[in-house]
Amino acid sequence: MLDTWQYVVLLGGFALVMGLLIPRKKQQTTDNSAQLVEQALDQFMASSETDHRELVSVVSKAQREWQQAAAARDHRIAELERRCALLEQQLHHQQALLEERLHTLQTQERQANAPVSPGTAGAAPAAATEPQQPMIRDRYLEVFRMHEQGKSIEAIARKAGLNKGEVQLILQLSRQEERHRV
């Protein structure tokens, strides 16, 4: 596709050749055709300029819209990352609370299950007290039954009256306990 200036050069060359080829006695006709060529060139240039302005306008508008969409996406990504970090902090806090709560419950159960008689207070080895300690699986039978049935953590938490984090922690601690006992 030729540029505008190339059209002008070609049309100018054509007009020059036509002017040289037409005999001099038809001077008046040549003047008319030269005027017609000149008018055609003027119209072509005006049309090209209008098309160029419209194209620049469309490209500028598309660029602005793209920049706005990109800014909106960047803002949304930043907001989602902020929310994700906040949720991670809350999850870690809940896990810490659950571990502390579970540790407290385990300590209380050990104290409740430990023999109090004076003759056995120092004589029992540490290995002998371990089998007396109930496994997590025994304490949360309903949670493990629902888990084995394929229920989601949310459903288990709702039915057992626990938080989702507590259910996750119970399941994780059970896995750890099974690894240590094997």
Protein backbone atom coordinates (compact mmCIF):
# COMPACT_ATOMS: atom_id res chain seq x y z
CA MET A 1 0.00 0.00 0.00
CA LEU A 2 1.42 3.35 -1.02
CA ASP A 3 1.76 6.27 1.35
CA THR A 4 0.05 9.57 0.67
CA TRP A 5 3.17 11.27 -0.60
CA GLN A 6 3.70 8.45 -3.10
CA TYR A 7 0.21 9.00 -4.51
CA VAL A 8 0.96 12.70 -4.83
CA VAL A 9 4.22 12.01 -6.68
CA LEU A 10 2.55 9.51 -9.02
CA LEU A 11 -0.34 11.83 -9.77
CA GLY A 12 2.07 14.73 -10.31
CA GLY A 13 4.15 12.62 -12.70
CA PHE A 14 1.02 11.55 -14.53
CA ALA A 15 -0.13 15.16 -14.86
CA LEU A 16 3.31 16.19 -16.16
CA VAL A 17 3.40 13.41 -18.77
CA MET A 18 -0.15 14.19 -19.86
CA GLY A 19 0.73 17.87 -20.17
CA LEU A 20 3.66 17.08 -22.42
CA LEU A 21 1.73 14.67 -24.61
CA ILE A 22 -1.31 16.84 -25.27
CA PRO A 23 -0.83 19.18 -28.26
CA ARG A 24 -0.60 22.93 -27.65
CA LYS A 25 -3.64 23.90 -29.67
CA LYS A 26 -5.87 22.35 -27.01
CA GLN A 27 -4.47 24.62 -24.33
CA GLN A 28 -7.88 25.32 -22.87
CA THR A 29 -8.69 21.61 -22.41
CA THR A 30 -5.36 21.05 -20.74
CA ASP A 31 -6.06 23.82 -18.28
CA ASN A 32 -9.39 22.20 -17.41
CA SER A 33 -7.85 18.77 -16.93
CA ALA A 34 -5.07 20.27 -14.81
CA GLN A 35 -7.69 21.94 -12.66
CA LEU A 36 -9.59 18.67 -12.41
CA VAL A 37 -6.43 16.79 -11.40
CA GLU A 38 -5.64 19.48 -8.86
CA GLN A 39 -9.15 19.28 -7.40
CA ALA A 40 -8.93 15.49 -7.27
CA LEU A 41 -5.61 15.74 -5.41
CA ASP A 42 -7.04 18.27 -2.97
CA GLN A 43 -10.02 16.02 -2.26
CA PHE A 44 -7.76 13.01 -1.83
CA MET A 45 -5.52 14.89 0.62
CA ALA A 46 -8.51 16.14 2.63
CA SER A 47 -9.99 12.64 2.77
CA SER A 48 -6.64 11.13 3.84
CA GLU A 49 -6.22 13.70 6.59
CA THR A 50 -9.73 13.05 7.93
CA ASP A 51 -9.14 9.29 7.93
CA HIS A 52 -5.82 9.77 9.72
CA ARG A 53 -7.42 11.90 12.48
CA GLU A 54 -10.16 9.30 13.01
CA LEU A 55 -7.61 6.50 13.25
CA VAL A 56 -5.52 8.42 15.79
CA SER A 57 -8.67 9.08 17.83
CA VAL A 58 -9.68 5.39 17.85
CA VAL A 59 -6.18 4.22 18.82
CA SER A 60 -5.94 6.80 21.62
CA LYS A 61 -9.32 5.77 23.02
CA ALA A 62 -8.39 2.07 22.93
CA GLN A 63 -5.10 2.82 24.71
CA ARG A 64 -6.86 4.79 27.48
CA GLU A 65 -9.39 1.98 27.99
CA TRP A 66 -6.62 -0.61 28.18
CA GLN A 67 -4.72 1.46 30.75
CA GLN A 68 -7.85 1.85 32.88
CA ALA A 69 -8.56 -1.89 32.73
CA ALA A 70 -4.93 -2.67 33.66
CA ALA A 71 -5.10 -0.27 36.61
CA ALA A 72 -8.35 -1.88 37.79
CA ARG A 73 -6.79 -5.36 37.54
CA ASP A 74 -3.69 -4.23 39.45
CA HIS A 75 -5.87 -2.74 42.19
CA ARG A 76 -7.94 -5.93 42.44
CA ILE A 77 -4.80 -8.10 42.62
CA ALA A 78 -3.34 -5.93 45.38
CA GLU A 79 -6.61 -6.11 47.33
CA LEU A 80 -6.78 -9.91 46.96
CA GLU A 81 -3.16 -10.28 48.09
CA ARG A 82 -3.87 -8.10 51.13
CA ARG A 83 -6.94 -10.18 52.01
CA CYS A 84 -4.99 -13.42 51.51
CA ALA A 85 -2.24 -12.23 53.88
CA LEU A 86 -4.86 -11.24 56.47
CA LEU A 87 -6.56 -14.64 56.22
CA GLU A 88 -3.21 -16.40 56.60
CA GLN A 89 -2.51 -14.40 59.75
CA GLN A 90 -5.92 -15.30 61.13
CA LEU A 91 -5.37 -18.97 60.29
CA HIS A 92 -1.98 -19.03 62.04
CA HIS A 93 -3.50 -17.31 65.06
CA GLN A 94 -6.38 -19.81 65.18
CA GLN A 95 -3.97 -22.75 64.84
CA ALA A 96 -1.85 -21.40 67.69
CA LEU A 97 -4.95 -21.04 69.87
CA LEU A 98 -6.10 -24.55 68.97
CA GLU A 99 -2.70 -26.06 69.71
CA GLU A 100 -2.67 -24.29 73.04
CA ARG A 101 -6.21 -25.45 73.79
CA LEU A 102 -5.39 -29.01 72.77
CA HIS A 103 -2.24 -28.99 74.89
CA THR A 104 -4.26 -27.76 77.86
CA LEU A 105 -6.86 -30.48 77.33
CA GLN A 106 -4.17 -33.15 77.03
CA THR A 107 -2.52 -31.94 80.21
CA GLN A 108 -5.84 -31.98 82.04
CA GLU A 109 -6.61 -35.50 80.79
CA ARG A 110 -3.17 -36.73 81.82
CA GLN A 111 -3.68 -35.30 85.27
CA ALA A 112 -7.14 -36.83 85.51
CA ASN A 113 -5.93 -40.26 84.32
CA ALA A 114 -2.69 -40.30 86.32
CA PRO A 115 -2.70 -42.52 89.47
CA VAL A 116 -2.44 -40.54 92.65
CA SER A 117 -1.46 -43.28 95.14
CA PRO A 118 1.78 -42.51 96.98
CA GLY A 119 3.36 -45.93 96.33
CA THR A 120 3.17 -45.60 92.55
CA ALA A 121 3.98 -41.90 92.19
CA GLY A 122 7.71 -42.39 91.50
CA ALA A 123 7.87 -46.08 90.63
CA ALA A 124 6.02 -46.13 87.31
CA PRO A 125 8.28 -45.75 84.29
CA ALA A 126 7.44 -43.21 81.59
CA ALA A 127 6.60 -45.94 79.07
CA ALA A 128 3.97 -47.37 81.39
CA THR A 129 1.99 -44.10 81.51
CA GLU A 130 1.87 -43.74 77.74
CA PRO A 131 -0.61 -46.57 77.00
CA GLN A 132 -2.99 -45.08 79.59
CA GLN A 133 -3.16 -41.87 77.56
CA PRO A 134 -6.11 -42.09 75.16
CA MET A 135 -5.40 -41.40 71.52
CA ILE A 136 -6.85 -38.33 69.83
CA ARG A 137 -8.86 -40.69 67.61
CA ASP A 138 -10.55 -42.11 70.75
CA ARG A 139 -11.45 -38.68 72.08
CA TYR A 140 -12.94 -37.42 68.81
CA LEU A 141 -14.64 -40.55 67.46
CA GLU A 142 -17.45 -38.61 65.81
CA VAL A 143 -15.01 -36.31 63.97
CA PHE A 144 -13.05 -39.27 62.58
CA ARG A 145 -16.21 -41.19 61.71
CA MET A 146 -17.48 -38.26 59.62
CA HIS A 147 -14.02 -37.78 58.08
CA GLU A 148 -13.89 -41.44 57.04
CA GLN A 149 -17.35 -41.03 55.48
CA GLY A 150 -15.82 -38.37 53.23
CA LYS A 151 -17.54 -35.36 54.80
CA SER A 152 -15.90 -31.98 54.28
CA ILE A 153 -14.10 -30.21 57.09
CA GLU A 154 -16.79 -27.54 57.11
CA ALA A 155 -19.56 -30.14 57.51
CA ILE A 156 -17.64 -31.92 60.27
CA ALA A 157 -17.06 -28.63 62.10
CA ARG A 158 -20.71 -27.67 61.82
CA LYS A 159 -22.01 -31.04 63.12
CA ALA A 160 -19.40 -31.41 65.87
CA GLY A 161 -19.75 -27.80 67.04
CA LEU A 162 -16.07 -27.01 66.39
CA ASN A 163 -14.21 -24.47 64.28
CA LYS A 164 -12.80 -25.57 60.93
CA GLY A 165 -9.31 -24.90 62.24
CA GLU A 166 -9.95 -27.16 65.22
CA VAL A 167 -11.08 -29.99 62.95
CA GLN A 168 -8.00 -29.56 60.77
CA LEU A 169 -5.75 -29.52 63.81
CA ILE A 170 -7.36 -32.65 65.27
CA LEU A 171 -6.85 -34.51 61.98
CA GLN A 172 -3.23 -33.34 61.71
CA LEU A 173 -2.43 -34.23 65.30
CA SER A 174 -3.97 -37.67 64.81
CA ARG A 175 -1.72 -38.29 61.81
CA GLN A 176 1.32 -37.19 63.82
CA GLU A 177 0.29 -39.35 66.75
CA GLU A 178 -0.11 -42.39 64.48
CA ARG A 179 3.37 -41.81 63.02
CA HIS A 180 4.92 -41.61 66.51
CA ARG A 181 3.16 -44.71 67.78
CA VAL A 182 4.19 -46.85 64.80
